[in-house]
Amino acid sequence: MLRPLRIVTIIAALVALIAGGVLYAQAQGPGGRGGRGPGGFGTGGPPSMGLPLRELNLTEAQQEQVRQLMTQYREQVRALNDRLEGDIRALLTPDQQQQADKLKAEREARMKQRRQERTQ
C-alpha cells in the first residue's frame, strides 16, 4: 500500500506533467505559432511529443496536420487527467484530499505568477 504522501506526490507529478503539456500547447497560441517563426515550430518542427519531429524538416502541410492532431487530442488528455485525478482522489482520506487541494492551489498560484512574470 502506498503511503499517503507518496500518493499525493504521484498525483501532483502526473497533474503537473499533463498541465505542463497543456500549457505548452496553449502557449503556442492560435495556429500553434507562439512567436517561433514560420510555422510556429522554431527551426524544424512541432514539439516532439516523443518523436524527433524537429529533425524531420516537416513541410508546412505536415506541421499543420500535427497541430490539428495535438488540438484534437488535447481535450482527450484533459478528460483522462480529470478522470485519473478523480479516481486517485477517491482513494484518499478526507485529510489527504484537503492536503491535495492545498498543494494543487499552491502549484496553480505559482504557475499563474510565472505566466505573469513572463508577460511583463
PDB file of N, CA and C in Angstrom:
ATOM      1  N   MET A   1       0.845  -1.183   0.000  1.00  0.00           N
ATOM      2  CA  MET A   1       0.000   0.000   0.000  1.00  0.00           C
ATOM      3  C   MET A   1       0.886   1.241   0.000  1.00  0.00           C
ATOM      4  N   LEU A   2       0.566   2.184  -0.848  1.00  0.00           N
ATOM      5  CA  LEU A   2       1.341   3.407  -0.932  1.00  0.00           C
ATOM      6  C   LEU A   2       1.030   4.322   0.248  1.00  0.00           C
ATOM      7  N   ARG A   3       2.053   4.994   0.718  1.00  0.00           N
ATOM      8  CA  ARG A   3       1.859   5.953   1.800  1.00  0.00           C
ATOM      9  C   ARG A   3       1.125   7.171   1.254  1.00  0.00           C
ATOM     10  N   PRO A   4       0.355   7.835   2.113  1.00  0.00           N
ATOM     11  CA  PRO A   4      -0.435   8.990   1.666  1.00  0.00           C
ATOM     12  C   PRO A   4       0.394  10.074   0.985  1.00  0.00           C
ATOM     13  N   LEU A   5       1.557  10.406   1.527  1.00  0.00           N
ATOM     14  CA  LEU A   5       2.378  11.448   0.936  1.00  0.00           C
ATOM     15  C   LEU A   5       2.849  11.036  -0.449  1.00  0.00           C
ATOM     16  N   ARG A   6       3.165   9.769  -0.621  1.00  0.00           N
ATOM     17  CA  ARG A   6       3.600   9.277  -1.925  1.00  0.00           C
ATOM     18  C   ARG A   6       2.465   9.381  -2.939  1.00  0.00           C
ATOM     19  N   ILE A   7       1.243   9.086  -2.519  1.00  0.00           N
ATOM     20  CA  ILE A   7       0.083   9.192  -3.413  1.00  0.00           C
ATOM     21  C   ILE A   7      -0.098  10.638  -3.840  1.00  0.00           C
ATOM     22  N   VAL A   8      -0.020  11.556  -2.893  1.00  0.00           N
ATOM     23  CA  VAL A   8      -0.182  12.972  -3.213  1.00  0.00           C
ATOM     24  C   VAL A   8       0.938  13.422  -4.156  1.00  0.00           C
ATOM     25  N   THR A   9       2.150  12.951  -3.910  1.00  0.00           N
ATOM     26  CA  THR A   9       3.277  13.305  -4.765  1.00  0.00           C
ATOM     27  C   THR A   9       3.070  12.774  -6.181  1.00  0.00           C
ATOM     28  N   ILE A  10       2.580  11.558  -6.296  1.00  0.00           N
ATOM     29  CA  ILE A  10       2.315  10.974  -7.611  1.00  0.00           C
ATOM     30  C   ILE A  10       1.229  11.766  -8.328  1.00  0.00           C
ATOM     31  N   ILE A  11       0.172  12.118  -7.605  1.00  0.00           N
ATOM     32  CA  ILE A  11      -0.906  12.915  -8.202  1.00  0.00           C
ATOM     33  C   ILE A  11      -0.346  14.243  -8.695  1.00  0.00           C
ATOM     34  N   ALA A  12       0.419  14.897  -7.842  1.00  0.00           N
ATOM     35  CA  ALA A  12       0.965  16.204  -8.202  1.00  0.00           C
ATOM     36  C   ALA A  12       1.867  16.101  -9.426  1.00  0.00           C
ATOM     37  N   ALA A  13       2.692  15.056  -9.478  1.00  0.00           N
ATOM     38  CA  ALA A  13       3.592  14.883 -10.620  1.00  0.00           C
ATOM     39  C   ALA A  13       2.815  14.630 -11.907  1.00  0.00           C
ATOM     40  N   LEU A  14       1.811  13.776 -11.837  1.00  0.00           N
ATOM     41  CA  LEU A  14       1.006  13.492 -13.035  1.00  0.00           C
ATOM     42  C   LEU A  14       0.260  14.728 -13.511  1.00  0.00           C
ATOM     43  N   VAL A  15      -0.347  15.425 -12.580  1.00  0.00           N
ATOM     44  CA  VAL A  15      -1.090  16.631 -12.944  1.00  0.00           C
ATOM     45  C   VAL A  15      -0.139  17.679 -13.516  1.00  0.00           C
ATOM     46  N   ALA A  16       1.022  17.844 -12.890  1.00  0.00           N
ATOM     47  CA  ALA A  16       1.991  18.822 -13.377  1.00  0.00           C
ATOM     48  C   ALA A  16       2.482  18.459 -14.776  1.00  0.00           C
ATOM     49  N   LEU A  17       2.737  17.187 -15.012  1.00  0.00           N
ATOM     50  CA  LEU A  17       3.198  16.744 -16.325  1.00  0.00           C
ATOM     51  C   LEU A  17       2.153  17.029 -17.395  1.00  0.00           C
ATOM     52  N   ILE A  18       0.933  16.657 -17.125  1.00  0.00           N
ATOM     53  CA  ILE A  18      -0.131  16.867 -18.105  1.00  0.00           C
ATOM     54  C   ILE A  18      -0.426  18.354 -18.250  1.00  0.00           C
ATOM     55  N   ALA A  19      -0.484  19.061 -17.125  1.00  0.00           N
ATOM     56  CA  ALA A  19      -0.754  20.503 -17.185  1.00  0.00           C
ATOM     57  C   ALA A  19       0.354  21.221 -17.940  1.00  0.00           C
ATOM     58  N   GLY A  20       1.591  20.786 -17.740  1.00  0.00           N
ATOM     59  CA  GLY A  20       2.706  21.390 -18.474  1.00  0.00           C
ATOM     60  C   GLY A  20       2.539  21.230 -19.970  1.00  0.00           C
ATOM     61  N   GLY A  21       2.135  20.051 -20.393  1.00  0.00           N
ATOM     62  CA  GLY A  21       1.902  19.823 -21.816  1.00  0.00           C
ATOM     63  C   GLY A  21       0.763  20.663 -22.342  1.00  0.00           C
ATOM     64  N   VAL A  22      -0.286  20.759 -21.567  1.00  0.00           N
ATOM     65  CA  VAL A  22      -1.438  21.571 -21.983  1.00  0.00           C
ATOM     66  C   VAL A  22      -1.045  23.044 -22.040  1.00  0.00           C
ATOM     67  N   LEU A  23      -0.329  23.519 -21.018  1.00  0.00           N
ATOM     68  CA  LEU A  23       0.092  24.919 -21.007  1.00  0.00           C
ATOM     69  C   LEU A  23       1.024  25.218 -22.169  1.00  0.00           C
ATOM     70  N   TYR A  24       1.909  24.276 -22.470  1.00  0.00           N
ATOM     71  CA  TYR A  24       2.814  24.469 -23.603  1.00  0.00           C
ATOM     72  C   TYR A  24       2.015  24.593 -24.893  1.00  0.00           C
ATOM     73  N   ALA A  25       1.056  23.713 -25.054  1.00  0.00           N
ATOM     74  CA  ALA A  25       0.227  23.751 -26.264  1.00  0.00           C
ATOM     75  C   ALA A  25      -0.559  25.048 -26.331  1.00  0.00           C
ATOM     76  N   GLN A  26      -1.099  25.501 -25.204  1.00  0.00           N
ATOM     77  CA  GLN A  26      -1.847  26.752 -25.183  1.00  0.00           C
ATOM     78  C   GLN A  26      -0.933  27.940 -25.445  1.00  0.00           C
ATOM     79  N   ALA A  27       0.295  27.867 -24.965  1.00  0.00           N
ATOM     80  CA  ALA A  27       1.239  28.968 -25.166  1.00  0.00           C
ATOM     81  C   ALA A  27       1.564  29.164 -26.638  1.00  0.00           C
ATOM     82  N   GLN A  28       1.350  28.144 -27.438  1.00  0.00           N
ATOM     83  CA  GLN A  28       1.597  28.265 -28.861  1.00  0.00           C
ATOM     84  C   GLN A  28       0.616  29.229 -29.507  1.00  0.00           C
ATOM     85  N   GLY A  29      -0.519  29.437 -28.850  1.00  0.00           N
ATOM     86  CA  GLY A  29      -1.498  30.376 -29.360  1.00  0.00           C
ATOM     87  C   GLY A  29      -2.251  29.812 -30.548  1.00  0.00           C
ATOM     88  N   PRO A  30      -3.102  30.635 -31.160  1.00  0.00           N
ATOM     89  CA  PRO A  30      -3.870  30.181 -32.311  1.00  0.00           C
ATOM     90  C   PRO A  30      -2.942  29.729 -33.422  1.00  0.00           C
ATOM     91  N   GLY A  31      -3.228  28.590 -33.958  1.00  0.00           N
ATOM     92  CA  GLY A  31      -2.410  28.066 -35.046  1.00  0.00           C
ATOM     93  C   GLY A  31      -1.087  27.518 -34.594  1.00  0.00           C
ATOM     94  N   GLY A  32      -0.828  27.523 -33.283  1.00  0.00           N
ATOM     95  CA  GLY A  32       0.403  26.932 -32.770  1.00  0.00           C
ATOM     96  C   GLY A  32       1.640  27.752 -33.020  1.00  0.00           C
ATOM     97  N   ARG A  33       1.523  29.007 -33.372  1.00  0.00           N
ATOM     98  CA  ARG A  33       2.701  29.766 -33.763  1.00  0.00           C
ATOM     99  C   ARG A  33       3.536  30.210 -32.576  1.00  0.00           C
ATOM    100  N   GLY A  34       2.940  30.857 -31.595  1.00  0.00           N
ATOM    101  CA  GLY A  34       3.685  31.214 -30.387  1.00  0.00           C
ATOM    102  C   GLY A  34       4.931  32.033 -30.626  1.00  0.00           C
ATOM    103  N   GLY A  35       5.023  32.732 -31.730  1.00  0.00           N
ATOM    104  CA  GLY A  35       6.170  33.594 -31.980  1.00  0.00           C
ATOM    105  C   GLY A  35       7.450  32.865 -32.281  1.00  0.00           C
ATOM    106  N   ARG A  36       7.386  31.699 -32.838  1.00  0.00           N
ATOM    107  CA  ARG A  36       8.584  30.912 -33.077  1.00  0.00           C
ATOM    108  C   ARG A  36       9.007  30.910 -34.539  1.00  0.00           C
ATOM    109  N   GLY A  37       8.583  31.862 -35.287  1.00  0.00           N
ATOM    110  CA  GLY A  37       8.997  31.917 -36.684  1.00  0.00           C
ATOM    111  C   GLY A  37       8.014  31.207 -37.577  1.00  0.00           C
ATOM    112  N   PRO A  38       8.357  31.075 -38.846  1.00  0.00           N
ATOM    113  CA  PRO A  38       7.444  30.460 -39.808  1.00  0.00           C
ATOM    114  C   PRO A  38       7.018  29.067 -39.367  1.00  0.00           C
ATOM    115  N   GLY A  39       5.733  28.834 -39.381  1.00  0.00           N
ATOM    116  CA  GLY A  39       5.226  27.520 -38.981  1.00  0.00           C
ATOM    117  C   GLY A  39       5.054  27.381 -37.489  1.00  0.00           C
ATOM    118  N   GLY A  40       5.635  28.286 -36.705  1.00  0.00           N
ATOM    119  CA  GLY A  40       5.472  28.248 -35.265  1.00  0.00           C
ATOM    120  C   GLY A  40       6.254  27.158 -34.557  1.00  0.00           C
ATOM    121  N   PHE A  41       7.142  26.474 -35.254  1.00  0.00           N
ATOM    122  CA  PHE A  41       7.854  25.367 -34.641  1.00  0.00           C
ATOM    123  C   PHE A  41       9.346  25.620 -34.520  1.00  0.00           C
ATOM    124  N   GLY A  42       9.773  26.822 -34.571  1.00  0.00           N
ATOM    125  CA  GLY A  42      11.190  27.099 -34.443  1.00  0.00           C
ATOM    126  C   GLY A  42      11.948  26.625 -35.665  1.00  0.00           C
ATOM    127  N   THR A  43      13.005  25.864 -35.450  1.00  0.00           N
ATOM    128  CA  THR A  43      13.893  25.535 -36.551  1.00  0.00           C
ATOM    129  C   THR A  43      13.563  24.268 -37.310  1.00  0.00           C
ATOM    130  N   GLY A  44      12.619  23.434 -36.842  1.00  0.00           N
ATOM    131  CA  GLY A  44      12.480  22.213 -37.595  1.00  0.00           C
ATOM    132  C   GLY A  44      11.165  21.494 -37.474  1.00  0.00           C
ATOM    133  N   GLY A  45      10.300  21.883 -36.587  1.00  0.00           N
ATOM    134  CA  GLY A  45       9.057  21.153 -36.484  1.00  0.00           C
ATOM    135  C   GLY A  45       8.374  21.392 -35.167  1.00  0.00           C
ATOM    136  N   PRO A  46       7.259  20.733 -34.967  1.00  0.00           N
ATOM    137  CA  PRO A  46       6.475  20.912 -33.756  1.00  0.00           C
ATOM    138  C   PRO A  46       7.140  20.246 -32.558  1.00  0.00           C
ATOM    139  N   PRO A  47       6.608  20.498 -31.361  1.00  0.00           N
ATOM    140  CA  PRO A  47       7.143  19.839 -30.171  1.00  0.00           C
ATOM    141  C   PRO A  47       7.165  18.330 -30.382  1.00  0.00           C
ATOM    142  N   SER A  48       8.166  17.679 -29.876  1.00  0.00           N
ATOM    143  CA  SER A  48       8.416  16.282 -30.240  1.00  0.00           C
ATOM    144  C   SER A  48       7.356  15.300 -29.785  1.00  0.00           C
ATOM    145  N   MET A  49       6.781  15.454 -28.624  1.00  0.00           N
ATOM    146  CA  MET A  49       5.781  14.510 -28.127  1.00  0.00           C
ATOM    147  C   MET A  49       6.280  13.065 -28.268  1.00  0.00           C
ATOM    148  N   GLY A  50       7.568  12.859 -28.070  1.00  0.00           N
ATOM    149  CA  GLY A  50       8.125  11.514 -28.138  1.00  0.00           C
ATOM    150  C   GLY A  50       8.729  11.168 -29.482  1.00  0.00           C
ATOM    151  N   LEU A  51       8.487  11.971 -30.493  1.00  0.00           N
ATOM    152  CA  LEU A  51       9.053  11.743 -31.813  1.00  0.00           C
ATOM    153  C   LEU A  51      10.026  12.871 -32.143  1.00  0.00           C
ATOM    154  N   PRO A  52      11.070  12.589 -32.914  1.00  0.00           N
ATOM    155  CA  PRO A  52      12.048  13.632 -33.261  1.00  0.00           C
ATOM    156  C   PRO A  52      11.543  14.515 -34.396  1.00  0.00           C
ATOM    157  N   LEU A  53      10.394  15.149 -34.212  1.00  0.00           N
ATOM    158  CA  LEU A  53       9.777  15.925 -35.285  1.00  0.00           C
ATOM    159  C   LEU A  53      10.619  17.120 -35.707  1.00  0.00           C
ATOM    160  N   ARG A  54      11.340  17.700 -34.786  1.00  0.00           N
ATOM    161  CA  ARG A  54      12.160  18.869 -35.118  1.00  0.00           C
ATOM    162  C   ARG A  54      13.243  18.530 -36.137  1.00  0.00           C
ATOM    163  N   GLU A  55      13.723  17.312 -36.118  1.00  0.00           N
ATOM    164  CA  GLU A  55      14.791  16.922 -37.042  1.00  0.00           C
ATOM    165  C   GLU A  55      14.270  16.385 -38.367  1.00  0.00           C
ATOM    166  N   LEU A  56      12.965  16.276 -38.519  1.00  0.00           N
ATOM    167  CA  LEU A  56      12.401  15.665 -39.724  1.00  0.00           C
ATOM    168  C   LEU A  56      12.065  16.682 -40.811  1.00  0.00           C
ATOM    169  N   ASN A  57      12.289  17.963 -40.552  1.00  0.00           N
ATOM    170  CA  ASN A  57      12.024  19.010 -41.543  1.00  0.00           C
ATOM    171  C   ASN A  57      10.636  18.857 -42.163  1.00  0.00           C
ATOM    172  N   LEU A  58       9.627  18.882 -41.317  1.00  0.00           N
ATOM    173  CA  LEU A  58       8.260  18.726 -41.781  1.00  0.00           C
ATOM    174  C   LEU A  58       7.870  19.863 -42.710  1.00  0.00           C
ATOM    175  N   THR A  59       7.053  19.540 -43.684  1.00  0.00           N
ATOM    176  CA  THR A  59       6.520  20.569 -44.574  1.00  0.00           C
ATOM    177  C   THR A  59       5.482  21.383 -43.799  1.00  0.00           C
ATOM    178  N   GLU A  60       5.092  22.517 -44.359  1.00  0.00           N
ATOM    179  CA  GLU A  60       4.049  23.333 -43.726  1.00  0.00           C
ATOM    180  C   GLU A  60       2.766  22.515 -43.563  1.00  0.00           C
ATOM    181  N   ALA A  61       2.434  21.717 -44.575  1.00  0.00           N
ATOM    182  CA  ALA A  61       1.219  20.897 -44.509  1.00  0.00           C
ATOM    183  C   ALA A  61       1.321  19.884 -43.368  1.00  0.00           C
ATOM    184  N   GLN A  62       2.483  19.250 -43.218  1.00  0.00           N
ATOM    185  CA  GLN A  62       2.662  18.280 -42.138  1.00  0.00           C
ATOM    186  C   GLN A  62       2.606  18.967 -40.778  1.00  0.00           C
ATOM    187  N   GLN A  63       3.212  20.153 -40.684  1.00  0.00           N
ATOM    188  CA  GLN A  63       3.171  20.892 -39.425  1.00  0.00           C
ATOM    189  C   GLN A  63       1.729  21.218 -39.056  1.00  0.00           C
ATOM    190  N   GLU A  64       0.940  21.625 -40.037  1.00  0.00           N
ATOM    191  CA  GLU A  64      -0.461  21.939 -39.789  1.00  0.00           C
ATOM    192  C   GLU A  64      -1.227  20.688 -39.346  1.00  0.00           C
ATOM    193  N   GLN A  65      -0.930  19.553 -39.967  1.00  0.00           N
ATOM    194  CA  GLN A  65      -1.593  18.307 -39.582  1.00  0.00           C
ATOM    195  C   GLN A  65      -1.233  17.926 -38.153  1.00  0.00           C
ATOM    196  N   VAL A  66       0.014  18.133 -37.775  1.00  0.00           N
ATOM    197  CA  VAL A  66       0.435  17.838 -36.399  1.00  0.00           C
ATOM    198  C   VAL A  66      -0.294  18.761 -35.436  1.00  0.00           C
ATOM    199  N   ARG A  67      -0.411  20.048 -35.783  1.00  0.00           N
ATOM    200  CA  ARG A  67      -1.155  20.992 -34.934  1.00  0.00           C
ATOM    201  C   ARG A  67      -2.585  20.525 -34.733  1.00  0.00           C
ATOM    202  N   GLN A  68      -3.210  20.089 -35.829  1.00  0.00           N
ATOM    203  CA  GLN A  68      -4.596  19.633 -35.741  1.00  0.00           C
ATOM    204  C   GLN A  68      -4.716  18.407 -34.850  1.00  0.00           C
ATOM    205  N   LEU A  69      -3.772  17.481 -34.962  1.00  0.00           N
ATOM    206  CA  LEU A  69      -3.803  16.294 -34.109  1.00  0.00           C
ATOM    207  C   LEU A  69      -3.617  16.666 -32.643  1.00  0.00           C
ATOM    208  N   MET A  70      -2.706  17.583 -32.377  1.00  0.00           N
ATOM    209  CA  MET A  70      -2.472  17.995 -30.993  1.00  0.00           C
ATOM    210  C   MET A  70      -3.723  18.646 -30.415  1.00  0.00           C
ATOM    211  N   THR A  71      -4.392  19.461 -31.215  1.00  0.00           N
ATOM    212  CA  THR A  71      -5.630  20.090 -30.770  1.00  0.00           C
ATOM    213  C   THR A  71      -6.705  19.039 -30.532  1.00  0.00           C
ATOM    214  N   GLN A  72      -6.792  18.090 -31.452  1.00  0.00           N
ATOM    215  CA  GLN A  72      -7.800  17.030 -31.357  1.00  0.00           C
ATOM    216  C   GLN A  72      -7.633  16.210 -30.083  1.00  0.00           C
ATOM    217  N   TYR A  73      -6.405  15.873 -29.742  1.00  0.00           N
ATOM    218  CA  TYR A  73      -6.162  15.008 -28.587  1.00  0.00           C
ATOM    219  C   TYR A  73      -6.062  15.766 -27.276  1.00  0.00           C
ATOM    220  N   ARG A  74      -5.882  17.079 -27.328  1.00  0.00           N
ATOM    221  CA  ARG A  74      -5.730  17.877 -26.101  1.00  0.00           C
ATOM    222  C   ARG A  74      -6.907  17.664 -25.158  1.00  0.00           C
ATOM    223  N   GLU A  75      -8.130  17.711 -25.679  1.00  0.00           N
ATOM    224  CA  GLU A  75      -9.321  17.540 -24.842  1.00  0.00           C
ATOM    225  C   GLU A  75      -9.391  16.132 -24.258  1.00  0.00           C
ATOM    226  N   GLN A  76      -8.973  15.143 -25.037  1.00  0.00           N
ATOM    227  CA  GLN A  76      -8.980  13.774 -24.525  1.00  0.00           C
ATOM    228  C   GLN A  76      -7.982  13.619 -23.383  1.00  0.00           C
ATOM    229  N   VAL A  77      -6.817  14.251 -23.517  1.00  0.00           N
ATOM    230  CA  VAL A  77      -5.815  14.192 -22.454  1.00  0.00           C
ATOM    231  C   VAL A  77      -6.355  14.868 -21.192  1.00  0.00           C
ATOM    232  N   ARG A  78      -7.001  16.012 -21.371  1.00  0.00           N
ATOM    233  CA  ARG A  78      -7.586  16.699 -20.210  1.00  0.00           C
ATOM    234  C   ARG A  78      -8.635  15.824 -19.527  1.00  0.00           C
ATOM    235  N   ALA A  79      -9.490  15.182 -20.324  1.00  0.00           N
ATOM    236  CA  ALA A  79     -10.536  14.331 -19.757  1.00  0.00           C
ATOM    237  C   ALA A  79      -9.927  13.152 -19.008  1.00  0.00           C
ATOM    238  N   LEU A  80      -8.900  12.540 -19.590  1.00  0.00           N
ATOM    239  CA  LEU A  80      -8.234  11.417 -18.912  1.00  0.00           C
ATOM    240  C   LEU A  80      -7.574  11.881 -17.619  1.00  0.00           C
ATOM    241  N   ASN A  81      -6.958  13.060 -17.659  1.00  0.00           N
ATOM    242  CA  ASN A  81      -6.322  13.594 -16.466  1.00  0.00           C
ATOM    243  C   ASN A  81      -7.354  13.825 -15.370  1.00  0.00           C
ATOM    244  N   ASP A  82      -8.487  14.412 -15.734  1.00  0.00           N
ATOM    245  CA  ASP A  82      -9.547  14.654 -14.744  1.00  0.00           C
ATOM    246  C   ASP A  82     -10.055  13.342 -14.160  1.00  0.00           C
ATOM    247  N   ARG A  83     -10.220  12.353 -15.016  1.00  0.00           N
ATOM    248  CA  ARG A  83     -10.697  11.039 -14.545  1.00  0.00           C
ATOM    249  C   ARG A  83      -9.678  10.390 -13.616  1.00  0.00           C
ATOM    250  N   LEU A  84      -8.400  10.436 -14.011  1.00  0.00           N
ATOM    251  CA  LEU A  84      -7.345   9.864 -13.175  1.00  0.00           C
ATOM    252  C   LEU A  84      -7.294  10.556 -11.827  1.00  0.00           C
ATOM    253  N   GLU A  85      -7.343  11.879 -11.855  1.00  0.00           N
ATOM    254  CA  GLU A  85      -7.289  12.619 -10.599  1.00  0.00           C
ATOM    255  C   GLU A  85      -8.479  12.262  -9.703  1.00  0.00           C
ATOM    256  N   GLY A  86      -9.665  12.145 -10.305  1.00  0.00           N
ATOM    257  CA  GLY A  86     -10.853  11.781  -9.531  1.00  0.00           C
ATOM    258  C   GLY A  86     -10.752  10.395  -8.937  1.00  0.00           C
ATOM    259  N   ASP A  87     -10.241   9.444  -9.730  1.00  0.00           N
ATOM    260  CA  ASP A  87     -10.090   8.066  -9.240  1.00  0.00           C
ATOM    261  C   ASP A  87      -9.081   7.991  -8.102  1.00  0.00           C
ATOM    262  N   ILE A  88      -7.975   8.707  -8.246  1.00  0.00           N
ATOM    263  CA  ILE A  88      -6.962   8.697  -7.181  1.00  0.00           C
ATOM    264  C   ILE A  88      -7.500   9.423  -5.954  1.00  0.00           C
ATOM    265  N   ARG A  89      -8.194  10.523  -6.179  1.00  0.00           N
ATOM    266  CA  ARG A  89      -8.764  11.293  -5.068  1.00  0.00           C
ATOM    267  C   ARG A  89      -9.719  10.437  -4.237  1.00  0.00           C
ATOM    268  N   ALA A  90     -10.444   9.545  -4.900  1.00  0.00           N
ATOM    269  CA  ALA A  90     -11.385   8.672  -4.199  1.00  0.00           C
ATOM    270  C   ALA A  90     -10.658   7.731  -3.229  1.00  0.00           C
ATOM    271  N   LEU A  91      -9.380   7.488  -3.471  1.00  0.00           N
ATOM    272  CA  LEU A  91      -8.593   6.623  -2.591  1.00  0.00           C
ATOM    273  C   LEU A  91      -8.105   7.349  -1.343  1.00  0.00           C
ATOM    274  N   LEU A  92      -8.127   8.659  -1.382  1.00  0.00           N
ATOM    275  CA  LEU A  92      -7.557   9.452  -0.296  1.00  0.00           C
ATOM    276  C   LEU A  92      -8.538   9.628   0.850  1.00  0.00           C
ATOM    277  N   THR A  93      -7.974   9.815   2.024  1.00  0.00           N
ATOM    278  CA  THR A  93      -8.788  10.158   3.180  1.00  0.00           C
ATOM    279  C   THR A  93      -9.206  11.625   3.055  1.00  0.00           C
ATOM    280  N   PRO A  94     -10.191  12.059   3.822  1.00  0.00           N
ATOM    281  CA  PRO A  94     -10.564  13.482   3.771  1.00  0.00           C
ATOM    282  C   PRO A  94      -9.389  14.422   4.073  1.00  0.00           C
ATOM    283  N   ASP A  95      -8.540  14.053   5.020  1.00  0.00           N
ATOM    284  CA  ASP A  95      -7.371  14.884   5.327  1.00  0.00           C
ATOM    285  C   ASP A  95      -6.416  14.952   4.140  1.00  0.00           C
ATOM    286  N   GLN A  96      -6.215  13.813   3.496  1.00  0.00           N
ATOM    287  CA  GLN A  96      -5.333  13.782   2.322  1.00  0.00           C
ATOM    288  C   GLN A  96      -5.940  14.586   1.167  1.00  0.00           C
ATOM    289  N   GLN A  97      -7.245  14.518   1.002  1.00  0.00           N
ATOM    290  CA  GLN A  97      -7.903  15.295  -0.033  1.00  0.00           C
ATOM    291  C   GLN A  97      -7.706  16.791   0.217  1.00  0.00           C
ATOM    292  N   GLN A  98      -7.838  17.182   1.473  1.00  0.00           N
ATOM    293  CA  GLN A  98      -7.652  18.586   1.843  1.00  0.00           C
ATOM    294  C   GLN A  98      -6.205  19.005   1.556  1.00  0.00           C
ATOM    295  N   GLN A  99      -5.247  18.148   1.904  1.00  0.00           N
ATOM    296  CA  GLN A  99      -3.839  18.450   1.652  1.00  0.00           C
ATOM    297  C   GLN A  99      -3.579  18.532   0.142  1.00  0.00           C
ATOM    298  N   ALA A 100      -4.166  17.615  -0.620  1.00  0.00           N
ATOM    299  CA  ALA A 100      -4.002  17.626  -2.075  1.00  0.00           C
ATOM    300  C   ALA A 100      -4.571  18.913  -2.662  1.00  0.00           C
ATOM    301  N   ASP A 101      -5.731  19.349  -2.172  1.00  0.00           N
ATOM    302  CA  ASP A 101      -6.340  20.597  -2.638  1.00  0.00           C
ATOM    303  C   ASP A 101      -5.412  21.780  -2.362  1.00  0.00           C
ATOM    304  N   LYS A 102      -4.834  21.799  -1.178  1.00  0.00           N
ATOM    305  CA  LYS A 102      -3.933  22.885  -0.798  1.00  0.00           C
ATOM    306  C   LYS A 102      -2.704  22.897  -1.702  1.00  0.00           C
ATOM    307  N   LEU A 103      -2.108  21.727  -1.923  1.00  0.00           N
ATOM    308  CA  LEU A 103      -0.920  21.632  -2.780  1.00  0.00           C
ATOM    309  C   LEU A 103      -1.243  22.048  -4.213  1.00  0.00           C
ATOM    310  N   LYS A 104      -2.396  21.625  -4.694  1.00  0.00           N
ATOM    311  CA  LYS A 104      -2.805  21.969  -6.057  1.00  0.00           C
ATOM    312  C   LYS A 104      -3.002  23.481  -6.187  1.00  0.00           C
ATOM    313  N   ALA A 105      -3.659  24.088  -5.202  1.00  0.00           N
ATOM    314  CA  ALA A 105      -3.876  25.538  -5.230  1.00  0.00           C
ATOM    315  C   ALA A 105      -2.548  26.287  -5.196  1.00  0.00           C
ATOM    316  N   GLU A 106      -1.608  25.816  -4.388  1.00  0.00           N
ATOM    317  CA  GLU A 106      -0.286  26.451  -4.313  1.00  0.00           C
ATOM    318  C   GLU A 106       0.436  26.348  -5.656  1.00  0.00           C
ATOM    319  N   ARG A 107       0.376  25.169  -6.279  1.00  0.00           N
ATOM    320  CA  ARG A 107       1.029  24.956  -7.570  1.00  0.00           C
ATOM    321  C   ARG A 107       0.409  25.860  -8.642  1.00  0.00           C
ATOM    322  N   GLU A 108      -0.927  25.951  -8.650  1.00  0.00           N
ATOM    323  CA  GLU A 108      -1.608  26.801  -9.624  1.00  0.00           C
ATOM    324  C   GLU A 108      -1.251  28.265  -9.420  1.00  0.00           C
ATOM    325  N   ALA A 109      -1.114  28.685  -8.170  1.00  0.00           N
ATOM    326  CA  ALA A 109      -0.730  30.075  -7.878  1.00  0.00           C
ATOM    327  C   ALA A 109       0.687  30.346  -8.389  1.00  0.00           C
ATOM    328  N   ARG A 110       1.608  29.387  -8.199  1.00  0.00           N
ATOM    329  CA  ARG A 110       2.978  29.553  -8.705  1.00  0.00           C
ATOM    330  C   ARG A 110       2.988  29.629 -10.230  1.00  0.00           C
ATOM    331  N   MET A 111       2.198  28.780 -10.877  1.00  0.00           N
ATOM    332  CA  MET A 111       2.138  28.783 -12.338  1.00  0.00           C
ATOM    333  C   MET A 111       1.572  30.108 -12.849  1.00  0.00           C
ATOM    334  N   LYS A 112       0.555  30.623 -12.179  1.00  0.00           N
ATOM    335  CA  LYS A 112      -0.046  31.898 -12.575  1.00  0.00           C
ATOM    336  C   LYS A 112       0.968  33.023 -12.431  1.00  0.00           C
ATOM    337  N   GLN A 113       1.708  32.993 -11.339  1.00  0.00           N
ATOM    338  CA  GLN A 113       2.716  34.020 -11.108  1.00  0.00           C
ATOM    339  C   GLN A 113       3.800  33.956 -12.184  1.00  0.00           C
ATOM    340  N   ARG A 114       4.245  32.760 -12.538  1.00  0.00           N
ATOM    341  CA  ARG A 114       5.267  32.618 -13.582  1.00  0.00           C
ATOM    342  C   ARG A 114       4.763  33.131 -14.923  1.00  0.00           C
ATOM    343  N   ARG A 115       3.497  32.837 -15.252  1.00  0.00           N
ATOM    344  CA  ARG A 115       2.928  33.328 -16.514  1.00  0.00           C
ATOM    345  C   ARG A 115       2.915  34.857 -16.521  1.00  0.00           C
ATOM    346  N   GLN A 116       2.541  35.463 -15.386  1.00  0.00           N
ATOM    347  CA  GLN A 116       2.504  36.915 -15.306  1.00  0.00           C
ATOM    348  C   GLN A 116       3.908  37.500 -15.438  1.00  0.00           C
ATOM    349  N   GLU A 117       4.889  36.846 -14.835  1.00  0.00           N
ATOM    350  CA  GLU A 117       6.272  37.335 -14.920  1.00  0.00           C
ATOM    351  C   GLU A 117       6.793  37.266 -16.353  1.00  0.00           C
ATOM    352  N   ARG A 118       6.380  36.239 -17.103  1.00  0.00           N
ATOM    353  CA  ARG A 118       6.836  36.099 -18.494  1.00  0.00           C
ATOM    354  C   ARG A 118       6.212  37.136 -19.407  1.00  0.00           C
ATOM    355  N   THR A 119       5.026  37.615 -19.076  1.00  0.00           N
ATOM    356  CA  THR A 119       4.359  38.582 -19.942  1.00  0.00           C
ATOM    357  C   THR A 119       4.789  40.010 -19.657  1.00  0.00           C
ATOM    358  N   GLN A 120       5.555  40.219 -18.620  1.00  0.00           N
ATOM    359  CA  GLN A 120       5.987  41.579 -18.262  1.00  0.00           C
ATOM    360  C   GLN A 120       7.234  41.962 -19.005  1.00  0.00           C
TER     361      GLN A 120
END
